[in-house]
C-alpha atoms as a PDB file:
ATOM      1  CA  VAL A   1     -86.137 -26.079  25.376  1.00  0.00           C
ATOM      2  CA  ILE A   2     -85.197 -28.343  22.321  1.00  0.00           C
ATOM      3  CA  GLY A   3     -83.649 -31.605  23.090  1.00  0.00           C
ATOM      4  CA  LYS A   4     -81.641 -33.848  20.663  1.00  0.00           C
ATOM      5  CA  GLY A   5     -79.903 -37.234  21.325  1.00  0.00           C
ATOM      6  CA  MET A   6     -82.153 -38.979  23.942  1.00  0.00           C
ATOM      7  CA  SER A   7     -84.419 -41.890  22.977  1.00  0.00           C
ATOM      8  CA  PRO A   8     -85.147 -44.939  25.100  1.00  0.00           C
ATOM      9  CA  PRO A   9     -83.669 -48.306  23.992  1.00  0.00           C
ATOM     10  CA  ARG A  10     -85.820 -50.792  22.061  1.00  0.00           C
ATOM     11  CA  LYS A  11     -83.870 -53.748  23.520  1.00  0.00           C
ATOM     12  CA  ILE A  12     -81.956 -54.068  26.816  1.00  0.00           C
ATOM     13  CA  LEU A  13     -78.947 -56.444  26.521  1.00  0.00           C
ATOM     14  CA  ILE A  14     -78.170 -56.495  30.217  1.00  0.00           C
ATOM     15  CA  PRO A  15     -80.831 -55.644  32.782  1.00  0.00           C
ATOM     16  CA  PRO A  16     -79.493 -52.918  35.287  1.00  0.00           C
ATOM     17  CA  GLU A  17     -80.580 -55.093  38.184  1.00  0.00           C
ATOM     18  CA  LYS A  18     -78.213 -57.759  37.143  1.00  0.00           C
ATOM     19  CA  ILE A  19     -75.194 -55.372  37.812  1.00  0.00           C
ATOM     20  CA  ALA A  20     -73.804 -55.835  41.307  1.00  0.00           C
ATOM     21  CA  MET A  21     -71.692 -52.786  42.341  1.00  0.00           C
ATOM     22  CA  GLY A  22     -70.242 -54.503  45.389  1.00  0.00           C
ATOM     23  CA  TRP A  23     -67.819 -57.541  45.270  1.00  0.00           C
ATOM     24  CA  ARG A  24     -69.573 -60.913  45.208  1.00  0.00           C
ATOM     25  CA  GLN A  25     -66.490 -62.610  46.846  1.00  0.00           C
ATOM     26  CA  LYS A  26     -63.866 -61.073  49.127  1.00  0.00           C
ATOM     27  CA  ARG A  27     -60.210 -62.291  48.595  1.00  0.00           C
ATOM     28  CA  ARG A  28     -56.736 -61.052  48.943  1.00  0.00           C
ATOM     29  CA  PRO A  29     -55.155 -59.090  46.000  1.00  0.00           C
ATOM     30  CA  GLY A  30     -54.251 -61.024  42.818  1.00  0.00           C
ATOM     31  CA  ALA A  31     -51.041 -61.386  40.825  1.00  0.00           C
ATOM     32  CA  GLY A  32     -48.677 -58.491  39.628  1.00  0.00           C
ATOM     33  CA  LEU A  33     -48.143 -58.316  35.749  1.00  0.00           C
ATOM     34  CA  TYR A  34     -44.842 -58.679  34.071  1.00  0.00           C
ATOM     35  CA  ASN A  35     -43.644 -55.746  31.898  1.00  0.00           C
ATOM     36  CA  LEU A  36     -43.066 -57.331  28.491  1.00  0.00           C
ATOM     37  CA  GLY A  37     -41.112 -54.527  26.802  1.00  0.00           C
ATOM     38  CA  SER A  38     -42.791 -51.149  27.262  1.00  0.00           C
ATOM     39  CA  THR A  39     -46.140 -52.416  28.606  1.00  0.00           C
ATOM     40  CA  CYS A  40     -46.574 -50.634  31.809  1.00  0.00           C
ATOM     41  CA  TYR A  41     -49.252 -48.446  30.210  1.00  0.00           C
ATOM     42  CA  LEU A  42     -51.361 -51.550  29.494  1.00  0.00           C
ATOM     43  CA  ASN A  43     -50.548 -53.355  32.821  1.00  0.00           C
ATOM     44  CA  VAL A  44     -52.174 -50.385  34.913  1.00  0.00           C
ATOM     45  CA  ILE A  45     -55.259 -50.421  32.865  1.00  0.00           C
ATOM     46  CA  LEU A  46     -55.628 -54.222  33.294  1.00  0.00           C
ATOM     47  CA  GLN A  47     -55.217 -53.930  37.016  1.00  0.00           C
ATOM     48  CA  CYS A  48     -57.658 -51.065  37.273  1.00  0.00           C
ATOM     49  CA  LEU A  49     -60.301 -52.960  35.250  1.00  0.00           C
ATOM     50  CA  THR A  50     -59.643 -56.182  37.242  1.00  0.00           C
ATOM     51  CA  TYR A  51     -60.452 -54.228  40.477  1.00  0.00           C
ATOM     52  CA  THR A  52     -63.674 -52.571  39.027  1.00  0.00           C
ATOM     53  CA  PRO A  53     -66.145 -54.467  41.082  1.00  0.00           C
ATOM     54  CA  PRO A  54     -69.225 -54.672  38.841  1.00  0.00           C
ATOM     55  CA  LEU A  55     -67.091 -55.564  35.818  1.00  0.00           C
ATOM     56  CA  ALA A  56     -65.027 -58.169  37.709  1.00  0.00           C
ATOM     57  CA  ASN A  57     -68.221 -59.683  39.081  1.00  0.00           C
ATOM     58  CA  TYR A  58     -69.595 -60.110  35.459  1.00  0.00           C
ATOM     59  CA  LEU A  59     -66.357 -61.369  34.055  1.00  0.00           C
ATOM     60  CA  LEU A  60     -65.966 -64.012  36.855  1.00  0.00           C
ATOM     61  CA  SER A  61     -69.399 -65.376  36.151  1.00  0.00           C
ATOM     62  CA  ARG A  62     -68.449 -66.166  32.637  1.00  0.00           C
ATOM     63  CA  GLN A  63     -71.752 -64.865  31.408  1.00  0.00           C
ATOM     64  CA  HIS A  64     -70.123 -63.704  28.187  1.00  0.00           C
ATOM     65  CA  SER A  65     -67.969 -66.704  27.053  1.00  0.00           C
ATOM     66  CA  ARG A  66     -70.776 -69.188  27.668  1.00  0.00           C
ATOM     67  CA  PHE A  67     -72.757 -67.633  24.793  1.00  0.00           C
ATOM     68  CA  CYS A  68     -69.955 -66.110  22.671  1.00  0.00           C
ATOM     69  CA  HIS A  69     -69.906 -67.144  19.064  1.00  0.00           C
ATOM     70  CA  GLN A  70     -67.064 -64.668  18.059  1.00  0.00           C
ATOM     71  CA  GLN A  71     -64.639 -66.135  15.710  1.00  0.00           C
ATOM     72  CA  GLY A  72     -61.037 -65.251  16.442  1.00  0.00           C
ATOM     73  CA  PHE A  73     -60.356 -62.090  18.516  1.00  0.00           C
ATOM     74  CA  CYS A  74     -62.835 -61.237  21.369  1.00  0.00           C
ATOM     75  CA  MET A  75     -61.729 -58.713  23.946  1.00  0.00           C
ATOM     76  CA  MET A  76     -64.457 -59.813  26.497  1.00  0.00           C
ATOM     77  CA  CYS A  77     -63.196 -63.411  26.413  1.00  0.00           C
ATOM     78  CA  ILE A  78     -59.544 -62.140  26.744  1.00  0.00           C
ATOM     79  CA  MET A  79     -60.535 -60.048  29.811  1.00  0.00           C
ATOM     80  CA  GLU A  80     -62.577 -62.825  31.292  1.00  0.00           C
ATOM     81  CA  ASP A  81     -59.566 -65.175  31.209  1.00  0.00           C
ATOM     82  CA  HIS A  82     -57.274 -62.514  32.299  1.00  0.00           C
ATOM     83  CA  VAL A  83     -59.237 -61.433  35.436  1.00  0.00           C
ATOM     84  CA  ARG A  84     -59.635 -65.075  36.392  1.00  0.00           C
ATOM     85  CA  LYS A  85     -55.892 -65.649  36.064  1.00  0.00           C
ATOM     86  CA  VAL A  86     -54.945 -62.455  38.099  1.00  0.00           C
ATOM     87  CA  LEU A  87     -57.425 -63.075  40.957  1.00  0.00           C
ATOM     88  CA  TYR A  88     -57.133 -66.846  41.188  1.00  0.00           C
ATOM     89  CA  SER A  89     -53.366 -67.420  40.467  1.00  0.00           C
ATOM     90  CA  SER A  90     -51.081 -68.611  43.161  1.00  0.00           C
ATOM     91  CA  ALA A  91     -48.146 -67.031  41.376  1.00  0.00           C
ATOM     92  CA  THR A  92     -46.907 -63.488  42.415  1.00  0.00           C
ATOM     93  CA  ALA A  93     -47.005 -62.239  38.774  1.00  0.00           C
ATOM     94  CA  ILE A  94     -48.340 -63.468  35.508  1.00  0.00           C
ATOM     95  CA  ARG A  95     -47.747 -62.426  31.861  1.00  0.00           C
ATOM     96  CA  PRO A  96     -50.604 -60.780  30.018  1.00  0.00           C
ATOM     97  CA  ARG A  97     -49.681 -62.587  26.852  1.00  0.00           C
ATOM     98  CA  ALA A  98     -53.093 -62.723  25.242  1.00  0.00           C
ATOM     99  CA  VAL A  99     -53.489 -58.996  25.373  1.00  0.00           C
ATOM    100  CA  ILE A 100     -50.051 -58.358  24.069  1.00  0.00           C
ATOM    101  CA  ARG A 101     -50.593 -61.003  21.246  1.00  0.00           C
ATOM    102  CA  ASP A 102     -53.783 -59.212  20.033  1.00  0.00           C
ATOM    103  CA  LEU A 103     -52.707 -55.520  20.742  1.00  0.00           C
ATOM    104  CA  ARG A 104     -53.169 -54.586  17.001  1.00  0.00           C
ATOM    105  CA  PHE A 105     -56.925 -55.432  17.244  1.00  0.00           C
ATOM    106  CA  ILE A 106     -57.304 -53.189  20.373  1.00  0.00           C
ATOM    107  CA  GLY A 107     -55.615 -50.130  18.964  1.00  0.00           C
ATOM    108  CA  GLU A 108     -52.535 -48.622  17.349  1.00  0.00           C
ATOM    109  CA  PHE A 109     -50.211 -50.134  19.928  1.00  0.00           C
ATOM    110  CA  LYS A 110     -46.958 -52.153  19.713  1.00  0.00           C
ATOM    111  CA  PRO A 111     -45.510 -54.130  22.671  1.00  0.00           C
ATOM    112  CA  ASP A 112     -41.956 -52.728  22.241  1.00  0.00           C
ATOM    113  CA  LEU A 113     -43.227 -49.114  21.969  1.00  0.00           C
ATOM    114  CA  PRO A 114     -44.348 -46.920  24.839  1.00  0.00           C
ATOM    115  CA  GLY A 115     -48.174 -46.330  24.966  1.00  0.00           C
ATOM    116  CA  ASP A 116     -50.569 -43.954  26.754  1.00  0.00           C
ATOM    117  CA  ALA A 117     -52.787 -45.484  29.563  1.00  0.00           C
ATOM    118  CA  TYR A 118     -55.689 -43.322  28.822  1.00  0.00           C
ATOM    119  CA  GLU A 119     -55.730 -44.131  25.088  1.00  0.00           C
ATOM    120  CA  PHE A 120     -55.319 -47.858  26.033  1.00  0.00           C
ATOM    121  CA  LEU A 121     -58.286 -47.570  28.462  1.00  0.00           C
ATOM    122  CA  ARG A 122     -60.459 -46.094  25.778  1.00  0.00           C
ATOM    123  CA  CYS A 123     -59.567 -48.527  23.200  1.00  0.00           C
ATOM    124  CA  THR A 124     -59.987 -51.577  25.492  1.00  0.00           C
ATOM    125  CA  LEU A 125     -63.380 -50.488  26.589  1.00  0.00           C
ATOM    126  CA  SER A 126     -64.375 -49.863  23.045  1.00  0.00           C
ATOM    127  CA  ALA A 127     -63.085 -53.277  21.965  1.00  0.00           C
ATOM    128  CA  MET A 128     -64.986 -54.978  24.997  1.00  0.00           C
ATOM    129  CA  HIS A 129     -68.148 -53.068  23.944  1.00  0.00           C
ATOM    130  CA  ARG A 130     -67.928 -54.222  20.344  1.00  0.00           C
ATOM    131  CA  ALA A 131     -67.351 -57.831  21.550  1.00  0.00           C
ATOM    132  CA  CYS A 132     -70.665 -57.543  23.659  1.00  0.00           C
ATOM    133  CA  LEU A 133     -72.492 -56.423  20.553  1.00  0.00           C
ATOM    134  CA  GLY A 134     -71.126 -59.486  18.657  1.00  0.00           C
ATOM    135  CA  GLY A 135     -71.547 -57.843  15.241  1.00  0.00           C
ATOM    136  CA  SER A 136     -75.378 -57.201  15.671  1.00  0.00           C
ATOM    137  CA  SER A 137     -75.603 -54.079  13.562  1.00  0.00           C
ATOM    138  CA  ASP A 138     -79.430 -53.984  13.672  1.00  0.00           C
ATOM    139  CA  LEU A 139     -79.594 -52.427  17.217  1.00  0.00           C
ATOM    140  CA  ASP A 140     -80.479 -48.734  17.561  1.00  0.00           C
ATOM    141  CA  ASN A 141     -77.917 -46.418  19.291  1.00  0.00           C
ATOM    142  CA  SER A 142     -79.768 -46.496  22.655  1.00  0.00           C
ATOM    143  CA  SER A 143     -80.059 -50.353  22.700  1.00  0.00           C
ATOM    144  CA  GLN A 144     -76.268 -50.536  21.914  1.00  0.00           C
ATOM    145  CA  GLY A 145     -75.842 -48.499  25.167  1.00  0.00           C
ATOM    146  CA  THR A 146     -77.135 -51.309  27.281  1.00  0.00           C
ATOM    147  CA  THR A 147     -74.086 -53.606  26.862  1.00  0.00           C
ATOM    148  CA  ILE A 148     -72.349 -54.541  30.344  1.00  0.00           C
ATOM    149  CA  ILE A 149     -69.546 -52.040  29.359  1.00  0.00           C
ATOM    150  CA  HIS A 150     -71.866 -49.095  28.592  1.00  0.00           C
ATOM    151  CA  GLN A 151     -74.134 -49.898  31.649  1.00  0.00           C
ATOM    152  CA  ILE A 152     -71.084 -49.627  33.927  1.00  0.00           C
ATOM    153  CA  PHE A 153     -68.984 -46.722  32.340  1.00  0.00           C
ATOM    154  CA  ARG A 154     -71.353 -44.821  30.283  1.00  0.00           C
ATOM    155  CA  GLY A 155     -72.976 -41.594  31.253  1.00  0.00           C
ATOM    156  CA  ILE A 156     -74.702 -38.661  29.275  1.00  0.00           C
ATOM    157  CA  LEU A 157     -73.622 -35.135  28.945  1.00  0.00           C
ATOM    158  CA  ARG A 158     -75.951 -32.221  28.198  1.00  0.00           C
ATOM    159  CA  SER A 159     -74.681 -29.333  26.218  1.00  0.00           C
ATOM    160  CA  ARG A 160     -77.039 -26.378  26.751  1.00  0.00           C
ATOM    161  CA  ILE A 161     -76.589 -23.618  24.190  1.00  0.00           C
ATOM    162  CA  THR A 162     -78.311 -20.287  24.764  1.00  0.00           C
ATOM    163  CA  CYS A 163     -78.600 -17.911  21.968  1.00  0.00           C
ATOM    164  CA  LEU A 164     -77.348 -14.516  23.143  1.00  0.00           C
ATOM    165  CA  SER A 165     -79.608 -12.685  20.665  1.00  0.00           C
ATOM    166  CA  CYS A 166     -83.035 -14.097  21.665  1.00  0.00           C
ATOM    167  CA  THR A 167     -82.214 -16.303  24.698  1.00  0.00           C
ATOM    168  CA  THR A 168     -83.578 -19.513  23.206  1.00  0.00           C
ATOM    169  CA  VAL A 169     -82.234 -22.523  24.764  1.00  0.00           C
ATOM    170  CA  SER A 170     -81.321 -25.699  22.836  1.00  0.00           C
ATOM    171  CA  ASP A 171     -80.194 -28.896  24.571  1.00  0.00           C
ATOM    172  CA  PHE A 172     -78.011 -31.563  22.957  1.00  0.00           C
ATOM    173  CA  TYR A 173     -77.047 -34.941  24.577  1.00  0.00           C
ATOM    174  CA  VAL A 174     -74.052 -37.025  24.036  1.00  0.00           C
ATOM    175  CA  ALA A 175     -72.773 -40.232  25.647  1.00  0.00           C
ATOM    176  CA  PHE A 176     -69.455 -40.352  27.500  1.00  0.00           C
ATOM    177  CA  MET A 177     -67.198 -43.085  28.789  1.00  0.00           C
ATOM    178  CA  ASP A 178     -64.815 -40.797  30.615  1.00  0.00           C
ATOM    179  CA  ILE A 179     -64.306 -37.132  31.463  1.00  0.00           C
ATOM    180  CA  LEU A 180     -61.125 -35.335  30.288  1.00  0.00           C
ATOM    181  CA  LEU A 181     -60.441 -32.287  32.565  1.00  0.00           C
ATOM    182  CA  LYS A 182     -58.158 -29.413  31.969  1.00  0.00           C
ATOM    183  CA  ILE A 183     -56.031 -28.915  35.104  1.00  0.00           C
ATOM    184  CA  LYS A 184     -54.013 -25.784  34.386  1.00  0.00           C
ATOM    185  CA  GLY A 185     -54.575 -23.568  37.402  1.00  0.00           C
ATOM    186  CA  ALA A 186     -56.785 -26.152  39.077  1.00  0.00           C
ATOM    187  CA  SER A 187     -55.427 -27.204  42.505  1.00  0.00           C
ATOM    188  CA  SER A 188     -58.105 -29.682  43.048  1.00  0.00           C
ATOM    189  CA  LEU A 189     -60.491 -32.107  41.311  1.00  0.00           C
ATOM    190  CA  SER A 190     -63.555 -29.997  42.468  1.00  0.00           C
ATOM    191  CA  ILE A 191     -62.036 -26.892  40.771  1.00  0.00           C
ATOM    192  CA  ALA A 192     -61.392 -28.735  37.627  1.00  0.00           C
ATOM    193  CA  LEU A 193     -64.947 -30.143  37.553  1.00  0.00           C
ATOM    194  CA  GLU A 194     -66.302 -26.648  38.293  1.00  0.00           C
ATOM    195  CA  ASN A 195     -64.399 -25.240  35.374  1.00  0.00           C
ATOM    196  CA  PHE A 196     -65.751 -28.123  33.197  1.00  0.00           C
ATOM    197  CA  VAL A 197     -69.411 -26.991  33.979  1.00  0.00           C
ATOM    198  CA  THR A 198     -68.809 -23.355  33.744  1.00  0.00           C
ATOM    199  CA  PRO A 199     -70.717 -21.638  30.815  1.00  0.00           C
ATOM    200  CA  ARG A 200     -68.570 -20.364  28.026  1.00  0.00           C
ATOM    201  CA  GLU A 201     -69.217 -18.031  25.094  1.00  0.00           C
ATOM    202  CA  MET A 202     -68.828 -20.050  21.918  1.00  0.00           C
ATOM    203  CA  ASP A 203     -65.949 -19.370  19.472  1.00  0.00           C
ATOM    204  CA  TRP A 204     -67.288 -16.721  17.071  1.00  0.00           C
ATOM    205  CA  ARG A 205     -65.877 -19.064  14.141  1.00  0.00           C
ATOM    206  CA  LYS A 206     -68.226 -21.800  15.252  1.00  0.00           C
ATOM    207  CA  ARG A 207     -71.222 -19.402  15.310  1.00  0.00           C
ATOM    208  CA  PHE A 208     -74.392 -21.199  16.273  1.00  0.00           C
ATOM    209  CA  LYS A 209     -77.459 -21.131  14.027  1.00  0.00           C
ATOM    210  CA  CYS A 210     -80.404 -20.360  16.085  1.00  0.00           C
ATOM    211  CA  ASN A 211     -83.620 -22.109  15.164  1.00  0.00           C
ATOM    212  CA  GLU A 212     -85.656 -19.274  16.565  1.00  0.00           C
ATOM    213  CA  CYS A 213     -83.638 -16.279  15.038  1.00  0.00           C
ATOM    214  CA  LYS A 214     -83.146 -18.359  11.786  1.00  0.00           C
ATOM    215  CA  LYS A 215     -79.573 -16.865  11.676  1.00  0.00           C
ATOM    216  CA  LYS A 216     -76.052 -17.560  13.076  1.00  0.00           C
ATOM    217  CA  ALA A 217     -75.760 -15.766  16.430  1.00  0.00           C
ATOM    218  CA  ALA A 218     -73.418 -15.528  19.381  1.00  0.00           C
ATOM    219  CA  ALA A 219     -74.273 -18.076  21.907  1.00  0.00           C
ATOM    220  CA  SER A 220     -73.036 -19.513  25.343  1.00  0.00           C
ATOM    221  CA  LYS A 221     -72.474 -23.102  26.012  1.00  0.00           C
ATOM    222  CA  ARG A 222     -72.727 -24.982  29.336  1.00  0.00           C
ATOM    223  CA  VAL A 223     -71.940 -28.623  29.672  1.00  0.00           C
ATOM    224  CA  THR A 224     -73.196 -30.693  32.636  1.00  0.00           C
ATOM    225  CA  ILE A 225     -73.505 -34.428  33.489  1.00  0.00           C
ATOM    226  CA  HIS A 226     -77.138 -35.307  32.639  1.00  0.00           C
ATOM    227  CA  ARG A 227     -77.008 -38.991  33.489  1.00  0.00           C
ATOM    228  CA  GLU A 228     -74.366 -40.273  35.828  1.00  0.00           C
ATOM    229  CA  PRO A 229     -72.354 -43.410  35.129  1.00  0.00           C
ATOM    230  CA  ARG A 230     -72.024 -46.308  37.633  1.00  0.00           C
ATOM    231  CA  VAL A 231     -68.283 -45.913  37.258  1.00  0.00           C
ATOM    232  CA  LEU A 232     -66.874 -42.430  36.809  1.00  0.00           C
ATOM    233  CA  THR A 233     -63.451 -42.312  35.047  1.00  0.00           C
ATOM    234  CA  VAL A 234     -61.605 -39.014  35.022  1.00  0.00           C
ATOM    235  CA  CYS A 235     -58.510 -38.085  33.174  1.00  0.00           C
ATOM    236  CA  LEU A 236     -56.500 -35.147  34.486  1.00  0.00           C
ATOM    237  CA  GLY A 237     -55.059 -33.790  31.180  1.00  0.00           C
ATOM    238  CA  ARG A 238     -51.318 -33.557  31.962  1.00  0.00           C
ATOM    239  CA  ALA A 239     -50.280 -32.677  28.408  1.00  0.00           C
ATOM    240  CA  ASP A 240     -50.036 -28.874  27.733  1.00  0.00           C
ATOM    241  CA  GLU A 241     -52.099 -28.086  24.666  1.00  0.00           C
ATOM    242  CA  ARG A 242     -49.659 -25.667  23.288  1.00  0.00           C
ATOM    243  CA  THR A 243     -46.291 -27.145  24.170  1.00  0.00           C
ATOM    244  CA  SER A 244     -47.238 -30.851  24.695  1.00  0.00           C
ATOM    245  CA  ARG A 245     -45.040 -30.549  27.832  1.00  0.00           C
ATOM    246  CA  LYS A 246     -46.237 -32.488  30.903  1.00  0.00           C
ATOM    247  CA  ILE A 247     -48.140 -30.510  33.567  1.00  0.00           C
ATOM    248  CA  SER A 248     -46.753 -31.797  36.719  1.00  0.00           C
ATOM    249  CA  GLN A 249     -48.880 -29.775  39.150  1.00  0.00           C
ATOM    250  CA  VAL A 250     -50.462 -31.529  42.120  1.00  0.00           C
ATOM    251  CA  VAL A 251     -54.265 -31.744  41.810  1.00  0.00           C
ATOM    252  CA  ALA A 252     -55.910 -32.807  45.204  1.00  0.00           C
ATOM    253  CA  TYR A 253     -58.723 -35.568  44.764  1.00  0.00           C
ATOM    254  CA  PRO A 254     -60.962 -36.906  47.437  1.00  0.00           C
ATOM    255  CA  GLU A 255     -61.659 -40.498  48.548  1.00  0.00           C
ATOM    256  CA  TYR A 256     -65.350 -39.745  48.366  1.00  0.00           C
ATOM    257  CA  LEU A 257     -66.733 -37.495  45.564  1.00  0.00           C
ATOM    258  CA  ASP A 258     -70.269 -35.841  45.335  1.00  0.00           C
ATOM    259  CA  LEU A 259     -71.077 -35.324  41.724  1.00  0.00           C
ATOM    260  CA  ARG A 260     -74.404 -33.598  42.304  1.00  0.00           C
ATOM    261  CA  PRO A 261     -72.915 -30.054  41.909  1.00  0.00           C
ATOM    262  CA  TYR A 262     -71.787 -30.938  38.340  1.00  0.00           C
ATOM    263  CA  MET A 263     -75.152 -32.354  37.280  1.00  0.00           C
ATOM    264  CA  SER A 264     -77.872 -30.804  34.969  1.00  0.00           C
ATOM    265  CA  ASP A 265     -80.148 -31.096  38.046  1.00  0.00           C
ATOM    266  CA  THR A 266     -78.114 -29.824  40.980  1.00  0.00           C
ATOM    267  CA  ALA A 267     -81.138 -30.130  43.475  1.00  0.00           C
ATOM    268  CA  GLY A 268     -81.596 -33.474  45.138  1.00  0.00           C
ATOM    269  CA  GLU A 269     -79.819 -36.072  47.130  1.00  0.00           C
ATOM    270  CA  PRO A 270     -75.922 -36.134  47.006  1.00  0.00           C
ATOM    271  CA  LEU A 271     -74.559 -38.458  44.330  1.00  0.00           C
ATOM    272  CA  LEU A 272     -71.647 -40.072  46.161  1.00  0.00           C
ATOM    273  CA  TYR A 273     -68.807 -41.968  44.540  1.00  0.00           C
ATOM    274  CA  SER A 274     -65.892 -43.847  46.163  1.00  0.00           C
ATOM    275  CA  LEU A 275     -62.337 -43.899  44.792  1.00  0.00           C
ATOM    276  CA  TYR A 276     -61.151 -47.382  44.035  1.00  0.00           C
ATOM    277  CA  ALA A 277     -58.182 -46.892  41.579  1.00  0.00           C
ATOM    278  CA  VAL A 278     -55.674 -44.319  40.630  1.00  0.00           C
ATOM    279  CA  VAL A 279     -53.114 -44.380  37.696  1.00  0.00           C
ATOM    280  CA  VAL A 280     -49.840 -42.425  38.064  1.00  0.00           C
ATOM    281  CA  HIS A 281     -47.377 -41.308  35.496  1.00  0.00           C
ATOM    282  CA  SER A 282     -43.871 -40.706  36.598  1.00  0.00           C
ATOM    283  CA  GLY A 283     -41.440 -38.812  34.210  1.00  0.00           C
ATOM    284  CA  HIS A 284     -40.721 -35.315  33.033  1.00  0.00           C
ATOM    285  CA  THR A 285     -42.491 -35.547  29.705  1.00  0.00           C
ATOM    286  CA  CYS A 286     -45.645 -37.218  28.426  1.00  0.00           C
ATOM    287  CA  LEU A 287     -43.767 -39.309  25.819  1.00  0.00           C
ATOM    288  CA  GLU A 288     -41.501 -41.043  28.276  1.00  0.00           C
ATOM    289  CA  GLY A 289     -41.582 -42.323  31.883  1.00  0.00           C
ATOM    290  CA  HIS A 290     -43.442 -45.040  33.686  1.00  0.00           C
ATOM    291  CA  PHE A 291     -46.974 -45.949  34.681  1.00  0.00           C
ATOM    292  CA  PHE A 292     -47.907 -47.577  37.956  1.00  0.00           C
ATOM    293  CA  CYS A 293     -51.296 -47.707  39.869  1.00  0.00           C
ATOM    294  CA  TYR A 294     -53.146 -48.011  43.210  1.00  0.00           C
ATOM    295  CA  THR A 295     -56.207 -50.203  43.494  1.00  0.00           C
ATOM    296  CA  LYS A 296     -58.540 -51.178  46.285  1.00  0.00           C
ATOM    297  CA  ALA A 297     -58.918 -54.886  46.339  1.00  0.00           C
ATOM    298  CA  SER A 298     -62.058 -56.774  47.296  1.00  0.00           C
ATOM    299  CA  ASN A 299     -60.808 -57.092  51.000  1.00  0.00           C
ATOM    300  CA  GLY A 300     -61.130 -53.318  51.283  1.00  0.00           C
ATOM    301  CA  GLN A 301     -57.299 -52.798  51.546  1.00  0.00           C
ATOM    302  CA  TRP A 302     -55.278 -50.529  48.993  1.00  0.00           C
ATOM    303  CA  TYR A 303     -52.400 -51.856  47.151  1.00  0.00           C
ATOM    304  CA  LYS A 304     -49.679 -50.089  44.901  1.00  0.00           C
ATOM    305  CA  MET A 305     -49.362 -52.213  41.807  1.00  0.00           C
ATOM    306  CA  ASN A 306     -46.094 -51.468  39.886  1.00  0.00           C
ATOM    307  CA  ASP A 307     -45.771 -54.162  37.198  1.00  0.00           C
ATOM    308  CA  VAL A 308     -44.795 -57.425  39.051  1.00  0.00           C
ATOM    309  CA  THR A 309     -44.888 -55.849  42.575  1.00  0.00           C
ATOM    310  CA  VAL A 310     -48.094 -55.644  44.583  1.00  0.00           C
ATOM    311  CA  ASP A 311     -47.536 -53.898  47.954  1.00  0.00           C
ATOM    312  CA  SER A 312     -50.176 -52.850  50.554  1.00  0.00           C
ATOM    313  CA  CYS A 313     -50.478 -49.281  51.480  1.00  0.00           C
ATOM    314  CA  GLY A 314     -52.817 -46.753  53.133  1.00  0.00           C
ATOM    315  CA  ILE A 315     -55.285 -44.247  51.742  1.00  0.00           C
ATOM    316  CA  HIS A 316     -53.067 -41.382  52.661  1.00  0.00           C
ATOM    317  CA  THR A 317     -50.466 -42.575  50.156  1.00  0.00           C
ATOM    318  CA  VAL A 318     -53.086 -43.102  47.504  1.00  0.00           C
ATOM    319  CA  LEU A 319     -54.313 -39.426  47.927  1.00  0.00           C
ATOM    320  CA  GLU A 320     -50.797 -37.952  47.781  1.00  0.00           C
ATOM    321  CA  GLN A 321     -50.098 -38.905  44.102  1.00  0.00           C
ATOM    322  CA  GLN A 322     -49.644 -36.932  40.967  1.00  0.00           C
ATOM    323  CA  ALA A 323     -52.727 -38.751  39.462  1.00  0.00           C
ATOM    324  CA  TYR A 324     -53.286 -39.190  35.827  1.00  0.00           C
ATOM    325  CA  LEU A 325     -56.470 -41.269  35.784  1.00  0.00           C
ATOM    326  CA  LEU A 326     -59.063 -41.550  38.723  1.00  0.00           C
ATOM    327  CA  PHE A 327     -61.620 -44.247  38.932  1.00  0.00           C
ATOM    328  CA  TYR A 328     -64.657 -43.716  41.124  1.00  0.00           C
ATOM    329  CA  ALA A 329     -67.670 -46.143  41.733  1.00  0.00           C
ATOM    330  CA  ARG A 330     -71.179 -45.363  42.819  1.00  0.00           C
END
């Protein structure tokens, strides 16, 4: 087996033992968020990140801003300020003005144009990760993976390619911050994950050059989760690849998920995750409609967060949604 893409970090930016997965303080849910144009897509992501316990613990401790030397835009400082405002505010709703003001630094978003929640999540985490690095370009890739953002959300996928001519196996490793699943024909999250890790024959146009045969050969590829993240984010791909129409089918998802069957090493203890946030898209097409979310607050209670409104609800309501994004924590 040949392995590529795994090397230990030379420097650890945040020691893993400093990451607290449970809430350090229990409190009632925080404020709702005003929709400032077409900003429901960013409101749901801000709320889901606010109720991500290890991230909220870190942001509330102000460990970043105390040592931040960033001039101008810093997504970590913005999120620190935002999370404090949401969780400590006596107001029922607040305006996420700083995020809107700096939207152009986060990604290609405009406050008056609809955006995609999944894209905004990826761009926000990327901007937070860059802020943690603070412009230090001398770090190796593995060391860059030890920021608080990567320590929480990052996992490793293994692609195992088997040459069908001589059966030589080659392993390649790549980091991931979320998993995008195809849901066509999948009635549940477990079926979609099963499909994700099922071996596939590689496209003949992308023929694999085997190191053993020294020639391009037919090959099969199997992707598995090699190193699990502390927080697993799953996107249920609701845009049809061919027509771009929205796939509205119901995909059942559990409150507790065992990731073990989808790992490179399927033997061993269960890898249990607990659902803590769900993003829902309502609307007939992917290009229009509305985003709202469900989050589990530090008091253990679930809440529906729909822009300015924050209403308590039960887990059964949470599990009956046409989910778009699912957030699970170890």
